[in-house]
Amino acid sequence: MMTDGELADRFSGRPSSNIPFDIKDVRVDYQCLRKRPKPARMDLLLVAAKKDQSRSTRPGAKRKLKPVICDIDAFTVQNLFEYSRGLPADQTIAVINVGASLSSLTSSANG
């Protein structure tokens, strides 16, 4: 279990064994998904994108729009599935997105 400040220190500019690239070449972000008091643990989502493959400007900046969420395609498909179909209780689902140049597999569990 970490405070917000400790999490920010942990993921700002420090290499992680979970990221297979040089930390200088990636943008890293994280989100706390769930805090579990017993045992004192947190479920975190860690995302890293190579700087040369991500846009340097925010979407909609020219139109003075403020994005609420910016997501990668795999999570967008997963979120759309969960929104439209829901998650079955006590089951794990997998969503496979097969594209022309990129495919992805995500899984999600409820419970």
Protein backbone atom coordinates (compact mmCIF):
# COMPACT_ATOMS: atom_id res chain seq x y z
CA MET A 1 0.00 0.00 0.00
CA MET A 2 1.42 3.41 -0.98
CA THR A 3 0.28 7.00 -0.73
CA ASP A 4 -0.29 9.05 -3.90
CA GLY A 5 3.05 10.78 -3.33
CA GLU A 6 4.90 7.49 -2.95
CA LEU A 7 3.33 6.18 -6.15
CA ALA A 8 4.31 9.33 -8.05
CA ASP A 9 7.90 8.99 -6.79
CA ARG A 10 7.99 5.30 -7.68
CA PHE A 11 6.96 5.78 -11.30
CA SER A 12 8.54 9.13 -12.19
CA GLY A 13 11.73 8.58 -14.12
CA ARG A 14 12.76 5.37 -12.38
CA PRO A 15 13.27 2.19 -14.36
CA SER A 16 10.84 -0.63 -13.73
CA SER A 17 11.35 -4.34 -14.27
CA ASN A 18 7.86 -4.33 -15.81
CA ILE A 19 8.90 -2.06 -18.71
CA PRO A 20 11.16 -3.69 -21.31
CA PHE A 21 12.47 -0.35 -22.67
CA ASP A 22 14.81 2.35 -21.43
CA ILE A 23 12.76 4.59 -19.11
CA LYS A 24 14.02 7.65 -21.05
CA ASP A 25 12.28 6.34 -24.18
CA VAL A 26 8.82 5.84 -22.70
CA ARG A 27 5.95 7.73 -21.14
CA VAL A 28 4.63 6.03 -18.04
CA ASP A 29 1.30 6.43 -16.29
CA TYR A 30 -0.56 4.44 -13.68
CA GLN A 31 -3.97 4.23 -12.09
CA CYS A 32 -4.97 2.68 -8.79
CA LEU A 33 -7.76 0.24 -9.58
CA ARG A 34 -8.47 -1.06 -6.10
CA LYS A 35 -7.16 -0.77 -2.54
CA ARG A 36 -7.35 -3.84 -0.35
CA PRO A 37 -7.01 -3.16 3.37
CA LYS A 38 -6.31 -6.82 4.19
CA PRO A 39 -3.63 -7.58 3.22
CA ALA A 40 -2.46 -4.01 2.71
CA ARG A 41 -2.20 -4.12 -1.09
CA MET A 42 -3.19 -2.12 -4.14
CA ASP A 43 -4.13 -3.22 -7.65
CA LEU A 44 -2.44 -0.87 -10.12
CA LEU A 45 -2.68 -0.49 -13.85
CA LEU A 46 0.72 0.49 -15.25
CA VAL A 47 0.90 1.73 -18.84
CA ALA A 48 4.04 2.57 -20.78
CA ALA A 49 4.15 3.89 -24.35
CA LYS A 50 7.27 4.53 -26.38
CA LYS A 51 7.68 8.26 -26.99
CA ASP A 52 8.37 7.79 -30.70
CA GLN A 53 5.05 5.94 -31.11
CA SER A 54 2.90 8.34 -29.11
CA ARG A 55 1.77 11.82 -30.02
CA SER A 56 3.60 14.69 -28.42
CA THR A 57 0.53 16.94 -28.37
CA ARG A 58 -2.77 16.37 -26.64
CA PRO A 59 -5.73 15.46 -28.84
CA GLY A 60 -7.99 18.43 -29.41
CA ALA A 61 -5.44 21.00 -28.21
CA LYS A 62 -6.01 23.21 -31.27
CA ARG A 63 -9.73 23.35 -30.51
CA LYS A 64 -9.13 24.00 -26.81
CA LEU A 65 -10.74 20.69 -25.84
CA LYS A 66 -9.81 19.01 -22.58
CA PRO A 67 -9.81 15.22 -22.96
CA VAL A 68 -11.41 13.35 -20.08
CA ILE A 69 -9.85 10.03 -21.03
CA CYS A 70 -7.30 8.90 -23.58
CA ASP A 71 -7.00 5.15 -23.93
CA ILE A 72 -5.21 2.56 -26.00
CA ASP A 73 -7.29 0.58 -28.47
CA ALA A 74 -7.22 -2.70 -26.51
CA PHE A 75 -8.72 -1.06 -23.41
CA THR A 76 -11.24 0.86 -25.50
CA VAL A 77 -12.57 -2.37 -27.00
CA GLN A 78 -12.65 -4.00 -23.54
CA ASN A 79 -14.48 -1.03 -22.00
CA LEU A 80 -17.00 -0.98 -24.85
CA PHE A 81 -17.68 -4.69 -24.37
CA GLU A 82 -18.14 -4.28 -20.61
CA TYR A 83 -20.39 -1.25 -21.08
CA SER A 84 -22.62 -2.93 -23.65
CA ARG A 85 -22.72 -6.47 -22.24
CA GLY A 86 -21.67 -6.17 -18.60
CA LEU A 87 -19.46 -8.67 -16.86
CA PRO A 88 -20.82 -12.04 -15.76
CA ALA A 89 -20.55 -12.58 -12.00
CA ASP A 90 -17.58 -14.70 -10.90
CA GLN A 91 -16.34 -15.28 -14.44
CA THR A 92 -13.38 -14.16 -16.48
CA ILE A 93 -13.90 -13.02 -20.06
CA ALA A 94 -11.38 -12.46 -22.84
CA VAL A 95 -11.85 -10.02 -25.70
CA ILE A 96 -9.81 -10.57 -28.84
CA ASN A 97 -9.50 -7.64 -31.24
CA VAL A 98 -8.11 -8.79 -34.59
CA GLY A 99 -7.05 -5.96 -36.85
CA ALA A 100 -5.20 -5.61 -40.15
CA SER A 101 -1.89 -4.56 -38.60
CA LEU A 102 -2.39 -5.10 -34.86
CA SER A 103 -4.25 -7.60 -32.70
CA SER A 104 -4.82 -7.51 -28.96
CA LEU A 105 -6.13 -9.73 -26.20
CA THR A 106 -7.55 -8.41 -22.92
CA SER A 107 -9.16 -10.21 -20.05
CA SER A 108 -11.39 -9.03 -17.24
CA ALA A 109 -12.97 -10.57 -14.17
CA ASN A 110 -15.86 -9.49 -11.99
CA GLY A 111 -15.63 -10.51 -8.39
